[in-house]
């Protein structure tokens, strides 16, 4: 999953509030992490890893487009398309942001970790 695909998936204020209002050890910890990473009131948490894990668990569920590209990691560690030396790799493009966010948030607020009935 290239960063230019996952960068399109950021936690909006209302979504963050939905997670924050669900009082559990997990959501409290996530809110603390969000606060560490946000540089100001208008910055947003980008869910790179969360999207990658969700797509791995549900292949094809969260991307409109997947494409096999000839990729090569260059001397500086950057992933590049190289039609002559690159190896074919499936890349996930065009994330289904809203479908992913509903999946992600519903799992966060649906867990019962440490909560009393």
Protein backbone atom coordinates (compact mmCIF):
# COMPACT_ATOMS: atom_id res chain seq x y z
CA UNK A 1 0.00 0.00 0.00
CA UNK A 2 1.76 3.14 -1.15
CA UNK A 3 1.68 6.13 1.18
CA UNK A 4 0.07 8.24 -1.52
CA UNK A 5 -2.94 5.88 -1.27
CA UNK A 6 -3.15 5.63 2.51
CA UNK A 7 -2.57 9.37 3.00
CA UNK A 8 -6.10 9.90 1.69
CA UNK A 9 -7.50 8.23 4.82
CA UNK A 10 -7.48 10.67 7.72
CA UNK A 11 -9.58 10.65 10.87
CA UNK A 12 -12.10 13.50 10.75
CA UNK A 13 -13.12 15.37 13.89
CA UNK A 14 -16.54 13.68 14.15
CA UNK A 15 -14.99 10.24 13.73
CA UNK A 16 -12.38 10.96 16.36
CA UNK A 17 -15.10 12.17 18.72
CA UNK A 18 -17.08 8.95 18.16
CA UNK A 19 -14.02 6.93 19.19
CA UNK A 20 -13.22 9.23 22.11
CA UNK A 21 -16.76 9.03 23.52
CA UNK A 22 -16.60 5.24 23.71
CA UNK A 23 -14.84 4.97 27.05
CA UNK A 24 -12.61 1.91 27.08
CA UNK A 25 -8.92 1.28 27.72
CA UNK A 26 -8.34 0.87 23.97
CA UNK A 27 -10.10 4.04 22.86
CA UNK A 28 -8.49 6.03 25.69
CA UNK A 29 -5.05 4.80 24.58
CA UNK A 30 -5.80 5.68 20.95
CA UNK A 31 -6.89 9.18 21.93
CA UNK A 32 -3.61 9.61 23.82
CA UNK A 33 -1.69 8.50 20.71
CA UNK A 34 -3.67 10.86 18.49
CA UNK A 35 -2.75 13.76 20.77
CA UNK A 36 0.95 12.85 20.59
CA UNK A 37 0.99 12.86 16.80
CA UNK A 38 -1.12 15.93 16.08
CA UNK A 39 0.85 19.14 15.69
CA UNK A 40 -2.05 21.56 15.87
CA UNK A 41 -5.84 21.95 15.90
CA UNK A 42 -6.13 21.49 12.13
CA UNK A 43 -3.85 18.48 11.76
CA UNK A 44 -5.37 15.04 11.23
CA UNK A 45 -4.30 11.51 12.09
CA UNK A 46 -3.55 9.51 8.95
CA UNK A 47 -4.42 5.84 9.32
CA UNK A 48 -1.68 4.24 7.19
CA UNK A 49 -1.14 1.10 9.26
CA UNK A 50 -4.77 0.64 10.22
CA UNK A 51 -5.81 0.63 6.55
CA UNK A 52 -3.05 -1.83 5.64
CA UNK A 53 -4.09 -4.23 8.41
CA UNK A 54 -7.79 -3.97 7.50
CA UNK A 55 -7.07 -4.64 3.82
CA UNK A 56 -4.88 -7.61 4.72
CA UNK A 57 -7.70 -9.04 6.85
CA UNK A 58 -10.30 -8.33 4.13
CA UNK A 59 -8.56 -8.42 0.72
CA UNK A 60 -10.24 -6.18 -1.84
CA UNK A 61 -12.67 -4.62 0.64
CA UNK A 62 -11.14 -1.17 1.00
CA UNK A 63 -9.68 -0.24 -2.40
CA UNK A 64 -11.45 0.58 -5.66
CA UNK A 65 -8.34 -0.04 -7.72
CA UNK A 66 -5.45 -2.48 -7.48
CA UNK A 67 -2.71 -2.63 -10.07
CA UNK A 68 0.41 -4.71 -10.62
CA UNK A 69 3.36 -2.34 -11.01
CA UNK A 70 7.06 -2.99 -11.70
CA UNK A 71 8.59 -1.69 -8.45
CA UNK A 72 12.17 -1.20 -7.36
CA UNK A 73 13.59 0.19 -4.12
CA UNK A 74 16.31 2.70 -5.05
CA UNK A 75 19.61 3.48 -3.28
CA UNK A 76 17.90 6.01 -0.98
CA UNK A 77 15.22 3.50 0.05
CA UNK A 78 12.42 5.00 -2.06
CA UNK A 79 10.02 2.74 -3.91
CA UNK A 80 10.00 3.60 -7.62
CA UNK A 81 8.23 2.34 -10.71
CA UNK A 82 10.98 0.92 -12.93
CA UNK A 83 9.68 -0.74 -16.09
CA UNK A 84 13.04 -2.36 -16.92
CA UNK A 85 14.38 -3.56 -13.54
CA UNK A 86 11.32 -3.50 -11.27
CA UNK A 87 9.64 -6.62 -9.92
CA UNK A 88 5.87 -7.01 -10.38
CA UNK A 89 4.08 -6.04 -7.15
CA UNK A 90 0.35 -5.61 -6.52
CA UNK A 91 -0.29 -2.04 -5.35
CA UNK A 92 -3.53 -0.91 -3.72
CA UNK A 93 -4.70 2.41 -5.14
CA UNK A 94 -7.80 4.57 -4.60
CA UNK A 95 -8.90 3.65 -1.07
CA UNK A 96 -12.58 3.37 -0.17
CA UNK A 97 -12.21 5.81 2.67
CA UNK A 98 -15.75 5.80 4.01
CA UNK A 99 -16.11 2.01 3.93
CA UNK A 100 -12.81 1.63 5.75
CA UNK A 101 -13.64 4.26 8.38
CA UNK A 102 -16.98 2.63 9.17
CA UNK A 103 -15.26 -0.77 9.52
CA UNK A 104 -12.45 0.66 11.66
CA UNK A 105 -14.57 2.76 14.00
CA UNK A 106 -17.29 0.13 14.40
CA UNK A 107 -14.63 -2.34 15.53
CA UNK A 108 -13.16 0.16 18.00
CA UNK A 109 -16.47 1.05 19.58
CA UNK A 110 -17.78 -2.51 19.42
CA UNK A 111 -15.04 -4.10 21.51
CA UNK A 112 -15.71 -4.94 25.12
CA UNK A 113 -12.15 -4.81 26.39
CA UNK A 114 -12.13 -3.99 30.09
CA UNK A 115 -15.74 -2.81 30.16
CA UNK A 116 -18.30 -3.88 32.75
CA UNK A 117 -21.64 -5.17 31.42
